């Protein structure tokens, strides 16, 4: 769903807008909520002062007590609240006042919080709490508890004033709903606007994508229509210029492969003529050794070059089908290395094999990977000095296996290093090998590794040698076994 540029841009813009709207909505709603609660808290404090003043000036006086009781009851009714008074002097008792016409305070009307009252009387502090009757009442409350102090400063009791916060909470909830509704409308409008803008922005890129798909089918004559002079128009012009270059390169490649293949077959025919001449006696018998050596070496070199060209053409055309299976890469390295035993002995090379594990299983095409290892070893032997060290390594890295082939040759210059894997790259540009090179082997290696969806890298320092490293997928069973072993450790 989110593979296209349009969907990603649309999702990105909308996500940013939703985040901004959500942050703004939460901030605004939070400000309103804090404002409501702060005002309610201030109102409670003012009412508590009036109530305590009425108690001190009137309620404690027996003659004025009936009038004070009416005033206190009126205050409770005004705020639809529950007023509870706890006195130190038991003669006054405990007083509970609320609007008897409503039964909502009835479940907690006779709860006087004697323990809390004693603490408030002793400490003289004022407390404001929310939902003191949670679990007893089905509506939210805000309560203030404060000491009742006589004119001489002594505490004569404690007052509890509980108010119903349903209206305040409903107002806060309505603010959240208004913000949510505004956000929904904004998202719809933003979706329409962003969709229109995104379509206009991505259409030229979509056209380029379709042209690229035609390129993949070999239709290099396709071009993008340039309809603007902005950055997208410049991109389209650059794209067409690139298409022209690709078209020329593809024609050059096809022509080159055809010409090289033809040129290679001609010398092979000539060499066959030398052999036939020796067979019918045209060449003196004493010259056989000289010409046979030349013919055989040239035949091997040119045949290998033709095979490399055909392998490269087959890989690039997609005709090579991978036959992936699980096999021991260490065993394959050793088996492949043995085929070079004669050349290793001739060059007096020292071989070092450094394997993380005795057996390391990978998932790949063994025949193709054998060709990769063979080409890399062949390349390293060519560029290794007599008596040099040839190092072969396999190391497990998480879910991958890294295979390295390293020599101690003259190395590759920094100027040549980026082109090592290019087809027909000649190693002689970087350093002089002991044998000739077609410049195709490493290109084949890279194509095979890419077919496996893996990577190959090269590192080299002049005078110190060259190291090729490629990755393969670790066999799942061995990966799990390695993970379990690591956990046990």
Protein backbone atom coordinates (compact mmCIF):
# COMPACT_ATOMS: atom_id res chain seq x y z
CA UNK A 1 0.00 0.00 0.00
CA UNK A 2 2.87 2.36 0.83
CA UNK A 3 5.24 1.27 -1.94
CA UNK A 4 4.49 4.20 -4.21
CA UNK A 5 5.92 7.69 -3.81
CA UNK A 6 2.39 9.14 -3.86
CA UNK A 7 1.23 7.02 -0.92
CA UNK A 8 4.39 7.72 1.10
CA UNK A 9 4.19 11.47 0.51
CA UNK A 10 0.49 11.48 1.33
CA UNK A 11 1.03 9.41 4.46
CA UNK A 12 3.93 11.62 5.55
CA UNK A 13 2.05 14.89 5.08
CA UNK A 14 -1.06 13.58 6.79
CA UNK A 15 0.94 12.08 9.65
CA UNK A 16 2.68 15.39 10.28
CA UNK A 17 -0.62 17.26 10.12
CA UNK A 18 -2.33 14.78 12.42
CA UNK A 19 0.52 15.04 14.91
CA UNK A 20 0.31 18.84 14.86
CA UNK A 21 -3.48 18.81 15.23
CA UNK A 22 -3.31 16.25 18.02
CA UNK A 23 -0.67 18.23 19.87
CA UNK A 24 -2.60 21.47 19.40
CA UNK A 25 -5.88 19.84 20.46
CA UNK A 26 -4.40 18.27 23.56
CA UNK A 27 -2.73 21.56 24.48
CA UNK A 28 -5.91 23.61 24.03
CA UNK A 29 -8.08 21.08 25.83
CA UNK A 30 -5.54 20.83 28.63
CA UNK A 31 -5.52 24.62 29.00
CA UNK A 32 -9.33 24.68 29.27
CA UNK A 33 -9.29 21.82 31.76
CA UNK A 34 -6.68 23.51 33.94
CA UNK A 35 -8.62 26.78 33.73
CA UNK A 36 -11.90 25.13 34.81
CA UNK A 37 -10.27 23.24 37.69
CA UNK A 38 -8.32 26.29 38.86
CA UNK A 39 -11.49 28.41 38.91
CA UNK A 40 -13.38 25.70 40.77
CA UNK A 41 -10.59 25.37 43.31
CA UNK A 42 -10.59 29.12 43.87
CA UNK A 43 -14.37 29.13 44.30
CA UNK A 44 -14.09 26.34 46.88
CA UNK A 45 -11.50 28.26 48.87
CA UNK A 46 -13.68 31.40 48.90
CA UNK A 47 -16.75 29.42 49.94
CA UNK A 48 -14.76 27.65 52.68
CA UNK A 49 -13.74 31.03 54.12
CA UNK A 50 -17.36 32.23 54.16
CA UNK A 51 -18.58 29.00 55.76
CA UNK A 52 -15.91 29.00 58.49
CA UNK A 53 -16.61 32.70 59.14
CA UNK A 54 -20.32 31.98 59.55
CA UNK A 55 -19.55 29.12 61.93
CA UNK A 56 -17.24 31.21 64.12
CA UNK A 57 -19.43 34.34 64.21
CA UNK A 58 -22.86 32.78 64.37
CA UNK A 59 -23.06 28.99 64.60
CA UNK A 60 -21.08 28.73 67.84
CA UNK A 61 -23.53 31.22 69.42
CA UNK A 62 -26.61 29.32 70.57
CA UNK A 63 -28.89 32.27 69.87
CA UNK A 64 -27.63 32.78 66.33
CA UNK A 65 -27.30 29.09 65.52
CA UNK A 66 -30.70 28.70 63.79
CA UNK A 67 -29.90 31.61 61.45
CA UNK A 68 -26.39 30.24 60.84
CA UNK A 69 -27.78 26.79 60.06
CA UNK A 70 -30.03 28.30 57.39
CA UNK A 71 -27.09 30.20 55.87
CA UNK A 72 -24.93 27.09 55.84
CA UNK A 73 -27.69 25.03 54.27
CA UNK A 74 -28.21 27.77 51.67
CA UNK A 75 -24.50 27.65 50.80
CA UNK A 76 -24.68 23.86 50.37
CA UNK A 77 -27.75 24.18 48.15
CA UNK A 78 -26.14 26.98 46.12
CA UNK A 79 -23.25 24.73 45.13
CA UNK A 80 -25.28 21.51 45.16
CA UNK A 81 -22.73 20.40 47.75
CA UNK A 82 -22.40 18.31 50.87
CA UNK A 83 -21.24 20.20 54.00
CA UNK A 84 -19.86 18.21 56.92
CA UNK A 85 -18.76 19.71 60.24
CA UNK A 86 -16.82 17.89 62.93
CA UNK A 87 -16.37 19.77 66.26
CA UNK A 88 -13.91 19.20 69.04
CA UNK A 89 -16.62 19.98 71.61
CA UNK A 90 -18.97 17.01 71.53
CA UNK A 91 -21.80 19.34 72.56
CA UNK A 92 -21.90 20.62 69.02
CA UNK A 93 -21.76 17.09 67.62
CA UNK A 94 -21.25 16.29 63.97
CA UNK A 95 -23.31 18.24 61.43
CA UNK A 96 -24.24 17.20 57.88
CA UNK A 97 -26.04 19.61 55.51
CA UNK A 98 -27.16 19.13 51.91
CA UNK A 99 -30.27 19.56 49.78
CA UNK A 100 -32.56 16.82 51.03
CA UNK A 101 -34.60 17.11 47.83
CA UNK A 102 -31.77 15.29 46.12
CA UNK A 103 -30.66 11.88 47.34
CA UNK A 104 -27.31 11.79 45.53
CA UNK A 105 -25.32 12.64 48.71
CA UNK A 106 -27.26 10.17 50.84
CA UNK A 107 -24.73 7.25 50.55
CA UNK A 108 -21.97 9.36 52.16
CA UNK A 109 -23.97 11.91 54.18
CA UNK A 110 -23.14 10.31 57.55
CA UNK A 111 -19.41 9.77 56.82
CA UNK A 112 -17.47 12.26 58.91
CA UNK A 113 -13.85 11.17 58.35
CA UNK A 114 -13.07 11.36 62.06
CA UNK A 115 -9.45 10.32 61.57
CA UNK A 116 -8.85 12.89 58.85
CA UNK A 117 -10.72 15.53 60.87
CA UNK A 118 -8.39 14.99 63.80
CA UNK A 119 -5.35 15.33 61.55
CA UNK A 120 -6.64 18.57 60.01
CA UNK A 121 -7.43 20.00 63.45
CA UNK A 122 -3.97 19.12 64.74
CA UNK A 123 -1.99 20.29 61.69
CA UNK A 124 -4.18 23.24 60.78
CA UNK A 125 -3.67 22.67 57.03
CA UNK A 126 -6.22 23.01 54.22
CA UNK A 127 -6.59 20.19 51.70
CA UNK A 128 -8.25 19.99 48.30
CA UNK A 129 -8.88 16.51 46.88
CA UNK A 130 -10.67 15.04 43.87
CA UNK A 131 -13.01 12.04 43.95
CA UNK A 132 -12.84 11.45 47.70
CA UNK A 133 -15.91 9.19 47.41
CA UNK A 134 -14.66 7.12 44.48
CA UNK A 135 -16.54 3.81 44.54
CA UNK A 136 -19.37 5.24 46.65
CA UNK A 137 -20.75 7.88 44.29
CA UNK A 138 -21.28 7.60 40.55
CA UNK A 139 -20.24 11.20 39.80
CA UNK A 140 -16.93 13.09 40.17
CA UNK A 141 -16.36 15.34 43.17
CA UNK A 142 -13.94 17.99 44.43
CA UNK A 143 -13.57 18.41 48.19
CA UNK A 144 -11.97 20.98 50.47
CA UNK A 145 -11.12 20.20 54.08
CA UNK A 146 -9.95 22.94 56.43
CA UNK A 147 -9.81 23.63 60.18
CA UNK A 148 -12.39 25.84 61.94
CA UNK A 149 -10.45 28.32 64.08
CA UNK A 150 -11.88 30.56 66.80
CA UNK A 151 -10.97 34.22 67.14
CA UNK A 152 -8.11 33.32 69.53
CA UNK A 153 -6.62 31.00 66.86
CA UNK A 154 -7.55 27.71 68.54
CA UNK A 155 -9.08 24.99 66.36
CA UNK A 156 -12.66 24.15 67.34
CA UNK A 157 -13.35 21.70 64.53
CA UNK A 158 -12.93 20.70 60.89
CA UNK A 159 -15.05 21.44 57.85
CA UNK A 160 -15.51 19.27 54.77
CA UNK A 161 -17.14 20.83 51.70
CA UNK A 162 -17.82 18.42 48.79
CA UNK A 163 -19.05 19.67 45.39
CA UNK A 164 -20.42 17.83 42.37
CA UNK A 165 -18.01 18.20 39.40
CA UNK A 166 -20.30 16.65 36.81
CA UNK A 167 -21.03 19.96 35.08
CA UNK A 168 -17.34 20.89 34.98
CA UNK A 169 -16.38 17.47 33.62
CA UNK A 170 -19.12 17.66 31.00
CA UNK A 171 -17.77 21.03 29.91
CA UNK A 172 -14.27 19.63 29.64
CA UNK A 173 -15.58 16.62 27.70
CA UNK A 174 -17.40 18.95 25.34
CA UNK A 175 -14.18 20.88 24.72
CA UNK A 176 -12.43 17.61 23.78
CA UNK A 177 -15.29 16.69 21.45
CA UNK A 178 -15.17 20.11 19.77
CA UNK A 179 -11.42 19.79 19.30
CA UNK A 180 -11.83 16.27 17.89
CA UNK A 181 -14.55 17.40 15.49
CA UNK A 182 -12.41 20.30 14.31
CA UNK A 183 -9.48 17.93 13.82
CA UNK A 184 -11.60 15.53 11.75
CA UNK A 185 -12.81 18.33 9.49
CA UNK A 186 -9.24 19.61 9.16
CA UNK A 187 -7.97 16.12 8.26
CA UNK A 188 -10.58 15.73 5.53
CA UNK A 189 -9.75 19.11 4.03
CA UNK A 190 -6.04 18.41 4.36
CA UNK A 191 -6.44 15.01 2.70
CA UNK A 192 -8.12 16.56 -0.33
CA UNK A 193 -5.56 19.35 -0.61
CA UNK A 194 -2.54 17.11 -0.08
CA UNK A 195 -3.88 14.49 -2.52
CA UNK A 196 -4.22 17.09 -5.26
CA UNK A 197 -0.77 18.56 -4.65
CA UNK A 198 0.88 15.14 -4.33
CA UNK A 199 -0.64 13.89 -7.59
CA UNK A 200 0.73 16.90 -9.45
CA UNK A 201 4.15 16.46 -7.86
CA UNK A 202 4.46 12.70 -8.44
CA UNK A 203 3.00 12.41 -11.97
CA UNK A 204 6.30 13.20 -13.76
CA UNK A 205 8.12 10.74 -11.50
CA UNK A 206 5.47 8.11 -12.21
CA UNK A 207 6.04 8.65 -15.94
CA UNK A 208 9.77 8.12 -15.39
CA UNK A 209 9.06 4.91 -13.50
CA UNK A 210 7.05 3.58 -16.43
CA UNK A 211 9.87 4.50 -18.82
CA UNK A 212 12.36 2.66 -16.60
CA UNK A 213 10.18 -0.44 -16.80
CA UNK A 214 10.33 -0.19 -20.57
CA UNK A 215 14.10 0.13 -20.32
CA UNK A 216 14.19 -3.13 -18.37
CA UNK A 217 12.55 -4.79 -21.37
CA UNK A 218 15.17 -3.41 -23.73
CA UNK A 219 13.10 -0.52 -25.10
CA UNK A 220 15.85 2.09 -24.84
CA UNK A 221 14.20 4.40 -27.34
CA UNK A 222 11.52 5.47 -24.82
CA UNK A 223 11.83 9.02 -23.47
CA UNK A 224 10.09 11.18 -20.84
CA UNK A 225 7.99 14.12 -22.03
CA UNK A 226 9.37 17.38 -20.64
CA UNK A 227 6.45 19.67 -19.75
CA UNK A 228 7.97 22.14 -17.27
CA UNK A 229 11.12 24.13 -16.57
CA UNK A 230 11.25 23.58 -12.82
CA UNK A 231 13.34 21.02 -10.92
CA UNK A 232 11.12 18.15 -12.11
CA UNK A 233 11.54 19.32 -15.70
CA UNK A 234 15.31 19.43 -15.23
CA UNK A 235 15.13 15.92 -13.80
CA UNK A 236 13.23 14.76 -16.89
CA UNK A 237 15.88 16.29 -19.17
CA UNK A 238 18.65 14.61 -17.20
CA UNK A 239 16.70 11.36 -17.34
CA UNK A 240 16.48 11.57 -21.13
CA UNK A 241 20.20 12.34 -21.35
CA UNK A 242 20.88 9.27 -19.22
CA UNK A 243 18.63 7.22 -21.51
CA UNK A 244 20.69 8.34 -24.52
CA UNK A 245 23.89 7.20 -22.80
CA UNK A 246 22.35 3.87 -21.78
CA UNK A 247 21.15 3.30 -25.32
CA UNK A 248 24.65 3.89 -26.65
CA UNK A 249 26.23 1.71 -24.00
CA UNK A 250 23.84 -1.14 -24.66
CA UNK A 251 24.54 -0.99 -28.39
CA UNK A 252 28.27 -0.85 -27.68
CA UNK A 253 28.05 -3.81 -25.33
CA UNK A 254 26.20 -5.99 -27.78
CA UNK A 255 28.54 -5.04 -30.57
CA UNK A 256 31.61 -5.58 -28.41
CA UNK A 257 30.57 -9.03 -27.22
CA UNK A 258 29.72 -10.08 -30.77
CA UNK A 259 33.03 -8.77 -32.15
CA UNK A 260 35.17 -10.22 -29.35
CA UNK A 261 33.53 -13.62 -29.69
CA UNK A 262 34.17 -13.56 -33.42
CA UNK A 263 37.76 -12.43 -32.98
CA UNK A 264 38.46 -15.17 -30.48
CA UNK A 265 37.15 -17.94 -32.68
CA UNK A 266 39.46 -16.94 -35.52
CA UNK A 267 42.70 -17.53 -33.56
CA UNK A 268 41.30 -20.83 -32.38
CA UNK A 269 40.86 -21.87 -35.98
CA UNK A 270 44.43 -20.83 -36.76
CA UNK A 271 45.79 -22.82 -33.84
CA UNK A 272 43.94 -25.84 -35.10
CA UNK A 273 45.74 -25.29 -38.39
CA UNK A 274 49.11 -25.48 -36.57
CA UNK A 275 48.10 -28.79 -35.07
CA UNK A 276 46.96 -30.16 -38.42
CA UNK A 277 50.24 -29.02 -40.00
CA UNK A 278 52.18 -30.95 -37.38
CA UNK A 279 49.95 -33.91 -37.94
CA UNK A 280 50.56 -34.06 -41.71
CA UNK A 281 54.30 -33.37 -41.38
CA UNK A 282 54.41 -29.77 -42.61
CA UNK A 283 56.05 -28.70 -39.34
CA UNK A 284 59.33 -30.56 -38.60
CA UNK A 285 59.13 -32.96 -35.70
CA UNK A 286 61.93 -31.21 -33.82
CA UNK A 287 59.74 -28.04 -33.68
CA UNK A 288 56.73 -29.81 -32.18
CA UNK A 289 57.47 -28.92 -28.55
CA UNK A 290 57.83 -25.23 -29.27
CA UNK A 291 54.62 -24.86 -31.25
CA UNK A 292 52.59 -27.21 -29.12
CA UNK A 293 53.34 -25.17 -26.01
CA UNK A 294 52.31 -21.94 -27.73
CA UNK A 295 49.17 -23.44 -29.17
CA UNK A 296 48.06 -25.06 -25.94
CA UNK A 297 48.59 -21.94 -23.80
CA UNK A 298 46.84 -19.68 -26.30
CA UNK A 299 44.06 -22.15 -26.69
CA UNK A 300 43.50 -22.29 -22.93
CA UNK A 301 43.57 -18.53 -22.56
CA UNK A 302 41.22 -17.82 -25.46
CA UNK A 303 38.86 -20.64 -24.60
CA UNK A 304 38.64 -19.35 -21.02
CA UNK A 305 37.94 -15.87 -22.36
CA UNK A 306 35.16 -17.13 -24.60
CA UNK A 307 33.67 -19.09 -21.72
CA UNK A 308 33.83 -16.02 -19.50
CA UNK A 309 32.11 -13.92 -22.13
CA UNK A 310 29.38 -16.50 -22.58
CA UNK A 311 28.93 -16.84 -18.79
CA UNK A 312 28.69 -13.08 -18.40
CA UNK A 313 26.17 -12.78 -21.24
CA UNK A 314 24.08 -15.61 -19.80
CA UNK A 315 24.08 -14.10 -16.30
CA UNK A 316 23.20 -10.61 -17.49
CA UNK A 317 20.40 -11.91 -19.71
CA UNK A 318 18.81 -13.66 -16.73
CA UNK A 319 19.11 -17.13 -18.23
CA UNK A 320 21.00 -18.48 -15.22
CA UNK A 321 18.60 -20.07 -12.73
CA UNK A 322 19.82 -20.39 -9.17
CA UNK A 323 19.54 -23.81 -7.58
CA UNK A 324 19.83 -22.88 -3.93
CA UNK A 325 20.50 -25.54 -1.35
CA UNK A 326 22.23 -25.92 2.00
CA UNK A 327 25.92 -26.89 1.86
CA UNK A 328 29.15 -26.51 3.83
CA UNK A 329 30.97 -23.46 2.48
CA UNK A 330 34.22 -24.48 4.24
CA UNK A 331 34.25 -27.81 2.46
CA UNK A 332 33.58 -26.07 -0.88
CA UNK A 333 36.48 -23.65 -0.28
CA UNK A 334 38.88 -26.52 0.49
CA UNK A 335 37.69 -28.58 -2.49
CA UNK A 336 38.07 -25.62 -4.85
CA UNK A 337 41.48 -24.74 -3.46
CA UNK A 338 42.77 -28.26 -4.20
CA UNK A 339 42.25 -27.67 -7.94
CA UNK A 340 44.93 -24.96 -7.74
CA UNK A 341 47.47 -27.18 -5.98
CA UNK A 342 49.88 -27.28 -8.93
CA UNK A 343 49.89 -23.49 -9.38
CA UNK A 344 50.27 -22.94 -5.63
CA UNK A 345 53.27 -25.27 -5.53
CA UNK A 346 54.76 -23.60 -8.60
CA UNK A 347 54.50 -20.20 -6.94
CA UNK A 348 55.68 -21.57 -3.57
CA UNK A 349 52.67 -19.90 -1.97
CA UNK A 350 51.74 -20.37 1.66
CA UNK A 351 48.03 -21.00 2.22
CA UNK A 352 46.27 -20.03 5.44
CA UNK A 353 42.66 -21.04 6.14
CA UNK A 354 40.87 -19.29 9.01
CA UNK A 355 37.37 -20.66 9.61
CA UNK A 356 35.14 -19.58 12.51
CA UNK A 357 33.65 -23.05 12.70
CA UNK A 358 34.69 -26.41 11.38
CA UNK A 359 31.45 -26.67 9.41
CA UNK A 360 29.52 -23.61 8.26
CA UNK A 361 26.38 -24.22 6.23
CA UNK A 362 24.96 -21.59 3.88
CA UNK A 363 21.97 -21.36 1.55
CA UNK A 364 23.10 -20.67 -2.02
CA UNK A 365 23.79 -22.26 -5.42
CA UNK A 366 26.93 -24.37 -4.80
CA UNK A 367 27.95 -24.47 -8.46
CA UNK A 368 27.72 -20.70 -8.82
CA UNK A 369 29.52 -20.05 -5.52
CA UNK A 370 32.22 -22.52 -6.54
CA UNK A 371 32.80 -20.39 -9.65
CA UNK A 372 33.01 -17.28 -7.45
CA UNK A 373 35.61 -18.86 -5.17
CA UNK A 374 37.50 -20.27 -8.15
CA UNK A 375 37.70 -16.88 -9.87
CA UNK A 376 38.80 -15.12 -6.66
CA UNK A 377 41.48 -17.71 -5.89
CA UNK A 378 42.67 -17.63 -9.50
CA UNK A 379 42.86 -13.83 -9.35
CA UNK A 380 44.79 -13.89 -6.06
CA UNK A 381 47.29 -16.47 -7.30
CA UNK A 382 47.95 -14.39 -10.42
CA UNK A 383 48.83 -11.34 -8.37
CA UNK A 384 50.67 -13.07 -5.50
CA UNK A 385 54.47 -12.89 -5.46
CA UNK A 386 56.52 -16.08 -5.19
CA UNK A 387 56.49 -17.27 -1.60
CA UNK A 388 53.53 -15.01 -0.75
CA UNK A 389 50.66 -15.76 1.62
CA UNK A 390 47.16 -16.66 0.37
CA UNK A 391 44.50 -16.34 3.10
CA UNK A 392 40.99 -17.85 2.95
CA UNK A 393 38.51 -16.99 5.70
CA UNK A 394 34.88 -17.68 6.62
CA UNK A 395 33.29 -15.86 9.53
CA UNK A 396 29.72 -15.97 10.84
CA UNK A 397 28.20 -12.52 11.34
CA UNK A 398 24.65 -12.74 12.74
CA UNK A 399 22.59 -14.28 9.90
CA UNK A 400 25.36 -14.03 7.32
CA UNK A 401 28.62 -15.74 6.51
CA UNK A 402 31.49 -13.54 5.28
CA UNK A 403 34.00 -15.28 2.96
CA UNK A 404 37.32 -13.53 2.28
CA UNK A 405 40.15 -14.25 -0.17
CA UNK A 406 43.31 -12.24 0.47
CA UNK A 407 46.68 -12.07 -1.23
CA UNK A 408 49.95 -10.26 -0.57
CA UNK A 409 50.38 -8.86 -4.05
CA UNK A 410 51.27 -5.34 -5.12
CA UNK A 411 47.73 -4.15 -4.43
CA UNK A 412 45.44 -1.98 -6.51
CA UNK A 413 45.83 1.75 -6.89
CA UNK A 414 43.06 3.99 -5.53
CA UNK A 415 42.37 5.17 -9.09
CA UNK A 416 41.71 1.62 -10.33
CA UNK A 417 39.91 0.29 -7.24
CA UNK A 418 36.38 1.58 -8.14
CA UNK A 419 36.55 -0.20 -11.50
CA UNK A 420 37.71 -3.64 -10.35
CA UNK A 421 34.30 -5.24 -10.95
CA UNK A 422 33.69 -3.53 -14.30
CA UNK A 423 33.59 -5.85 -17.27
CA UNK A 424 36.85 -6.06 -19.27
CA UNK A 425 38.72 -4.32 -16.46
CA UNK A 426 42.38 -5.24 -16.78
CA UNK A 427 44.25 -5.98 -13.59
CA UNK A 428 47.49 -5.00 -15.29
CA UNK A 429 46.45 -1.39 -14.91
CA UNK A 430 46.86 -1.77 -11.20
CA UNK A 431 49.71 -4.25 -10.95
CA UNK A 432 51.45 -6.79 -13.13
CA UNK A 433 50.22 -10.37 -12.73
CA UNK A 434 52.17 -13.50 -13.39
CA UNK A 435 49.63 -14.49 -16.04
CA UNK A 436 47.23 -12.80 -18.38
CA UNK A 437 43.76 -11.69 -17.40
CA UNK A 438 40.60 -11.40 -19.47
CA UNK A 439 39.12 -8.72 -17.21
CA UNK A 440 35.82 -10.61 -17.05
CA UNK A 441 36.24 -12.94 -14.05
CA UNK A 442 35.55 -10.38 -11.34
CA UNK A 443 32.59 -9.02 -13.27
CA UNK A 444 31.12 -12.53 -13.32
CA UNK A 445 31.80 -12.85 -9.59
CA UNK A 446 29.88 -9.65 -8.84
CA UNK A 447 26.92 -10.66 -11.00
CA UNK A 448 26.65 -14.06 -9.30
CA UNK A 449 26.76 -12.53 -5.81
CA UNK A 450 24.15 -9.95 -6.82
CA UNK A 451 21.92 -12.77 -8.10
CA UNK A 452 22.04 -14.17 -4.57
CA UNK A 453 20.99 -10.74 -3.23
CA UNK A 454 24.28 -10.52 -1.36
CA UNK A 455 27.23 -8.12 -1.50
CA UNK A 456 30.90 -8.28 -2.40
CA UNK A 457 33.52 -5.69 -1.45
CA UNK A 458 37.21 -5.17 -2.15
CA UNK A 459 39.86 -3.51 -0.03
CA UNK A 460 43.42 -2.96 -1.13
CA UNK A 461 46.55 -1.04 -0.21
CA UNK A 462 49.44 -0.80 -2.60
CA UNK A 463 52.33 -2.94 -1.49
CA UNK A 464 50.21 -4.86 1.03
CA UNK A 465 47.83 -6.90 -1.12
CA UNK A 466 44.13 -7.13 -1.90
CA UNK A 467 41.18 -8.69 -0.05
CA UNK A 468 37.83 -9.66 -1.61
CA UNK A 469 34.95 -10.33 0.80
CA UNK A 470 31.47 -11.53 -0.11
CA UNK A 471 28.47 -12.51 2.01
CA UNK A 472 26.11 -15.49 1.91
CA UNK A 473 22.99 -16.31 3.88
CA UNK A 474 23.62 -18.53 6.90
CA UNK A 475 21.55 -21.71 6.92
CA UNK A 476 18.53 -21.17 9.19
CA UNK A 477 19.08 -24.35 11.21
CA UNK A 478 22.70 -23.46 11.95
CA UNK A 479 21.67 -19.87 12.72
CA UNK A 480 19.16 -21.09 15.31
CA UNK A 481 21.67 -23.52 16.80
CA UNK A 482 24.25 -20.76 17.06
CA UNK A 483 21.71 -18.44 18.72
CA UNK A 484 20.75 -21.11 21.29
CA UNK A 485 24.40 -21.81 22.03
CA UNK A 486 25.01 -18.10 22.55
CA UNK A 487 22.05 -17.86 24.96
CA UNK A 488 23.32 -20.81 26.98
CA UNK A 489 26.70 -19.15 27.34
